[in-house]
Protein backbone atom coordinates (compact mmCIF):
# COMPACT_ATOMS: atom_id res chain seq x y z
CA MET A 1 88.30 80.38 14.29
CA ARG A 2 84.91 82.02 14.74
CA GLY A 3 85.39 83.64 18.15
CA ASN A 4 88.82 85.04 17.40
CA VAL A 5 87.79 86.48 14.04
CA VAL A 6 84.67 88.22 15.35
CA MET A 7 86.51 89.54 18.41
CA ASN A 8 89.44 90.87 16.38
CA LEU A 9 87.23 92.53 13.79
CA SER A 10 85.19 94.30 16.46
CA SER A 11 88.33 95.93 17.83
CA VAL A 12 89.77 97.10 14.48
CA LYS A 13 89.45 100.79 13.59
CA PRO A 14 88.66 102.52 11.27
CA LYS A 15 85.51 100.68 10.31
CA ILE A 16 86.09 97.49 8.37
CA ARG A 17 83.98 97.16 5.22
CA ALA A 18 85.43 93.94 3.82
CA VAL A 19 87.14 90.74 4.91
CA THR A 20 89.29 88.60 2.61
CA PHE A 21 90.35 85.04 3.32
CA ASP A 22 93.13 82.74 2.30
CA LEU A 23 91.79 79.33 1.23
CA TRP A 24 94.20 76.48 1.99
CA GLU A 25 94.67 75.72 5.69
CA THR A 26 92.30 78.58 6.46
CA LEU A 27 88.91 77.66 5.01
CA LEU A 28 89.98 74.34 3.48
CA LEU A 29 91.91 71.83 5.55
CA GLU A 30 93.94 68.80 4.52
CA ARG A 31 94.09 65.26 5.85
CA ASN A 32 97.49 63.80 6.60
CA GLY A 33 98.86 61.96 3.57
CA TRP A 34 96.12 63.09 1.21
CA ASN A 35 98.39 65.27 -0.90
CA LEU A 36 100.24 62.15 -2.07
CA ARG A 37 96.95 60.28 -2.55
CA ARG A 38 95.65 63.14 -4.68
CA THR A 39 98.83 63.25 -6.77
CA ASN A 40 98.63 59.48 -7.36
CA ALA A 41 94.98 59.85 -8.41
CA ARG A 42 95.98 62.66 -10.77
CA CYS A 43 98.66 60.49 -12.36
CA LYS A 44 96.22 57.63 -12.94
CA SER A 45 93.54 59.94 -14.31
CA LEU A 46 95.90 61.58 -16.81
CA ALA A 47 97.31 58.24 -17.96
CA ARG A 48 93.80 56.85 -18.40
CA ALA A 49 92.70 59.90 -20.41
CA LEU A 50 95.64 59.63 -22.79
CA ASN A 51 95.19 55.86 -23.11
CA GLU A 52 91.59 56.53 -24.19
CA LEU A 53 92.98 58.90 -26.84
CA GLY A 54 95.20 56.12 -28.15
CA ILE A 55 98.42 57.22 -26.44
CA GLU A 56 100.40 54.66 -24.44
CA ILE A 57 101.69 56.20 -21.23
CA SER A 58 101.75 55.07 -17.60
CA ALA A 59 100.84 56.59 -14.25
CA GLU A 60 104.46 56.00 -13.20
CA GLN A 61 105.67 58.31 -15.96
CA PHE A 62 103.40 61.03 -14.62
CA ALA A 63 104.61 60.46 -11.05
CA PHE A 64 108.15 61.20 -12.24
CA ALA A 65 106.92 64.26 -14.16
CA PHE A 66 105.12 65.73 -11.13
CA LYS A 67 108.41 65.78 -9.21
CA LYS A 68 109.93 67.73 -12.09
CA MET A 69 106.97 70.06 -12.21
CA ALA A 70 107.30 70.92 -8.52
CA LEU A 71 110.70 72.47 -9.24
CA TRP A 72 109.41 74.16 -12.39
CA LEU A 73 106.51 75.76 -10.50
CA ALA A 74 108.83 76.81 -7.68
CA SER A 75 110.90 78.82 -10.18
CA PHE A 76 107.82 80.97 -10.83
CA TRP A 77 106.46 80.98 -7.31
CA ASP A 78 109.79 82.15 -5.92
CA THR A 79 109.23 85.44 -7.77
CA ASN A 80 105.54 85.65 -6.76
CA LYS A 81 104.40 84.77 -10.27
CA ASP A 82 102.12 81.96 -11.42
CA VAL A 83 101.33 79.95 -14.54
CA THR A 84 97.95 79.05 -16.01
CA HIS A 85 96.15 75.76 -15.60
CA LEU A 86 96.79 74.87 -19.23
CA ASP A 87 100.48 75.69 -18.80
CA GLN A 88 100.55 73.06 -16.05
CA VAL A 89 98.73 70.50 -18.20
CA ARG A 90 101.05 71.05 -21.15
CA PHE A 91 104.18 70.87 -18.98
CA ILE A 92 103.20 67.65 -17.21
CA ILE A 93 102.33 65.84 -20.44
CA LYS A 94 105.44 67.05 -22.25
CA THR A 95 107.63 66.00 -19.31
CA ALA A 96 105.94 62.63 -18.76
CA SER A 97 106.28 61.74 -22.46
CA ARG A 98 109.77 63.28 -22.78
CA GLY A 99 108.42 65.55 -25.49
CA ALA A 100 106.89 62.74 -27.57
CA ILE A 101 103.26 63.86 -27.14
CA VAL A 102 101.99 66.96 -28.91
CA ILE A 103 98.63 67.94 -27.41
CA LYS A 104 95.88 68.44 -29.96
CA GLU A 105 93.42 71.26 -29.41
CA GLU A 106 90.49 68.83 -29.31
CA TRP A 107 92.12 66.96 -26.40
CA ILE A 108 92.31 69.99 -24.09
CA ASP A 109 88.93 69.65 -22.34
CA GLN A 110 89.38 65.94 -21.68
CA LEU A 111 92.92 66.36 -20.35
CA SER A 112 91.95 69.36 -18.22
CA SER A 113 89.07 67.40 -16.71
CA ALA A 114 91.38 64.46 -15.97
CA TYR A 115 93.87 66.80 -14.29
CA VAL A 116 91.24 68.41 -12.04
CA SER A 117 89.14 65.33 -11.23
CA ALA A 118 91.61 64.07 -8.62
CA PHE A 119 90.76 67.05 -6.41
CA PHE A 120 87.17 65.83 -6.16
CA GLU A 121 88.22 62.20 -5.84
CA VAL A 122 90.54 63.02 -2.92
CA PRO A 123 89.06 66.25 -1.55
CA PRO A 124 90.12 68.48 1.35
CA TYR A 125 87.58 69.20 4.06
CA LEU A 126 86.02 72.43 5.23
CA ASN A 127 87.18 74.19 8.36
CA PRO A 128 84.29 73.36 10.74
CA ASP A 129 83.95 77.06 11.60
CA ALA A 130 83.94 78.31 7.99
CA ASP A 131 80.20 78.44 7.41
CA LYS A 132 79.52 80.06 10.80
CA VAL A 133 82.17 82.75 10.31
CA LEU A 134 81.13 83.60 6.75
CA HIS A 135 77.47 83.70 7.76
CA ALA A 136 78.26 85.98 10.71
CA LEU A 137 80.17 88.38 8.45
CA LYS A 138 77.31 88.51 5.96
CA ASP A 139 74.92 89.25 8.83
CA ARG A 140 77.16 92.23 9.64
CA ASN A 141 76.95 93.39 6.00
CA LYS A 142 80.64 92.83 5.34
CA LEU A 143 81.95 92.26 1.85
CA ILE A 144 83.78 88.93 1.63
CA GLY A 145 86.64 88.03 -0.68
CA LEU A 146 88.85 85.04 -1.32
CA VAL A 147 92.51 85.64 -2.23
CA CYS A 148 94.15 82.33 -3.03
CA ASN A 149 97.50 81.01 -4.22
CA ILE A 150 96.67 77.77 -6.03
CA GLY A 151 98.74 74.59 -6.11
CA LEU A 152 97.75 72.08 -8.78
CA THR A 153 93.99 72.59 -8.69
CA PRO A 154 93.00 75.64 -10.77
CA GLY A 155 90.68 78.43 -9.73
CA PHE A 156 87.72 77.09 -11.69
CA GLY A 157 88.00 73.76 -9.88
CA LEU A 158 88.15 75.46 -6.49
CA ARG A 159 85.09 77.58 -7.35
CA LYS A 160 83.19 74.42 -8.27
CA PHE A 161 84.20 72.76 -5.00
CA LEU A 162 83.17 75.74 -2.89
CA ALA A 163 79.81 75.84 -4.69
CA LYS A 164 79.37 72.12 -4.03
CA GLU A 165 80.08 72.70 -0.34
CA GLY A 166 77.61 75.59 -0.15
CA LEU A 167 80.15 78.39 0.48
CA ALA A 168 80.47 80.06 -2.92
CA ASN A 169 77.50 82.39 -2.46
CA TYR A 170 79.12 84.03 0.56
CA PHE A 171 81.87 85.54 -1.59
CA ASP A 172 81.67 88.85 -3.40
CA LEU A 173 85.04 88.09 -4.97
CA MET A 174 87.19 85.02 -5.63
CA LEU A 175 90.71 85.78 -6.82
CA PHE A 176 93.03 82.92 -7.83
CA SER A 177 96.71 83.21 -8.67
CA ASP A 178 96.55 81.10 -11.84
CA GLU A 179 93.98 83.50 -13.31
CA VAL A 180 95.93 86.71 -12.67
CA GLY A 181 99.49 85.41 -13.09
CA ILE A 182 100.76 86.61 -9.70
CA ARG A 183 100.84 85.19 -6.19
CA LYS A 184 100.71 86.48 -2.65
CA PRO A 185 102.62 88.20 -1.10
CA ASN A 186 102.77 90.33 -4.27
CA PRO A 187 100.79 93.41 -3.14
CA ARG A 188 99.09 93.50 -6.53
CA MET A 189 97.00 90.46 -5.47
CA PHE A 190 95.58 92.46 -2.59
CA GLN A 191 95.25 95.66 -4.61
CA ILE A 192 93.16 93.85 -7.23
CA SER A 193 90.90 92.45 -4.51
CA ALA A 194 90.42 95.93 -3.01
CA GLN A 195 89.53 97.35 -6.42
CA GLU A 196 87.06 94.56 -7.14
CA LEU A 197 85.45 94.92 -3.71
CA GLN A 198 85.37 98.71 -4.15
CA ALA A 199 86.93 99.24 -0.74
CA LYS A 200 90.01 101.10 0.45
CA PRO A 201 92.90 98.86 1.58
CA TYR A 202 92.66 100.20 5.16
CA GLU A 203 88.99 99.15 5.21
CA ILE A 204 89.88 95.49 4.58
CA VAL A 205 91.10 92.76 6.89
CA HIS A 206 92.81 89.70 5.40
CA ILE A 207 92.79 86.40 7.31
CA GLY A 208 95.24 83.60 6.58
CA ASP A 209 97.63 81.01 7.96
CA ASN A 210 100.88 82.17 6.38
CA LEU A 211 102.97 84.95 7.89
CA LYS A 212 104.68 85.87 4.61
CA SER A 213 101.91 85.42 2.04
CA ASP A 214 98.96 86.48 4.15
CA VAL A 215 100.12 88.74 6.96
CA TRP A 216 103.20 90.47 5.54
CA GLY A 217 101.68 90.54 2.04
CA ALA A 218 98.39 92.04 3.21
CA LYS A 219 100.00 94.66 5.44
CA ASN A 220 102.42 95.62 2.68
CA ALA A 221 99.37 96.40 0.53
CA GLY A 222 97.78 98.55 3.24
CA PHE A 223 95.37 95.92 4.57
CA LYS A 224 94.84 94.92 8.18
CA ALA A 225 95.73 91.26 8.80
CA ILE A 226 94.77 88.47 11.18
CA TYR A 227 97.14 85.52 11.47
CA LEU A 228 95.31 82.20 11.79
CA SER A 229 97.86 80.17 13.73
CA THR A 230 96.96 76.49 13.87
CA ASP A 231 98.46 73.08 13.16
CA ILE A 232 95.06 71.59 12.38
CA GLY A 233 94.41 70.55 8.79
CA ARG A 234 98.03 70.38 7.62
CA ASP A 235 99.44 67.43 5.70
CA ARG A 236 102.54 66.72 7.79
CA ILE A 237 103.57 63.81 5.58
CA ALA A 238 103.71 66.07 2.51
CA GLU A 239 105.51 68.81 4.45
CA SER A 240 108.19 66.32 5.54
CA ASP A 241 108.94 65.30 1.93
CA PRO A 242 111.42 67.89 0.58
CA SER A 243 110.48 67.03 -3.03
CA SER A 244 106.74 67.56 -2.56
CA LEU A 245 105.05 70.69 -3.85
CA VAL A 246 103.60 71.30 -0.38
CA SER A 247 107.06 71.27 1.19
CA ILE A 248 108.53 73.48 -1.53
CA SER A 249 105.66 75.95 -1.17
CA ARG A 250 106.17 76.08 2.60
CA ARG A 251 109.87 76.89 2.15
CA LEU A 252 109.08 79.65 -0.33
CA ASP A 253 106.58 81.12 2.11
CA TYR A 254 109.03 81.21 5.01
CA LEU A 255 109.22 84.73 6.41
CA LYS A 256 112.86 85.62 7.03
CA GLU A 257 113.80 87.85 9.92
């Protein structure tokens, strides 16, 4: 990634002041089969949390509910909208319990923590070039942003992970879809990032792995774009399962001719 990014940026005119990145399959990569492992861990963690609160419910009930939630999320994502983290938590518990569980306000923190913990239990891994590229851009006095469509892990969890991995300090901006209610390729995602970075759209290059969300979306907002084309770091098992959120997301992000 490093050589191509530096080479492409050096040839882009007018002068580029800022670079924004996609996160998944750009800076963070996935191991084959780990999406399912993470979902299973999430089911067990949620069931355990509710059991500790005196509610009888099984991990298997949550596994069924996550399949339902994939379709529910897709109904929003198909229109480039997103829901909040707590919306996800409430939906999954309501669906798993068939409406029998009413979440109490004092349970929220514990249930949120249980929902997010699986991401750290079954983590992705950093693109080996990420630190080098981000460091090189900072050395060139470029502003750096992150423009990310989330899946199940919310923005605050991703921020924590990036801080743990030593990358958070590179970013002048981190923008997550669950926190603004919209998703790429909605041009508003890119417009917000330009405003926050205090740069004109034509002064920004966006780098990502998805032709619709990252390339078409960025260009439609007036950005330059670099397509990161690679098969490395993709969970092929999840992509081959038509009911998985990864597979559904891929289909929604397909760029039609």
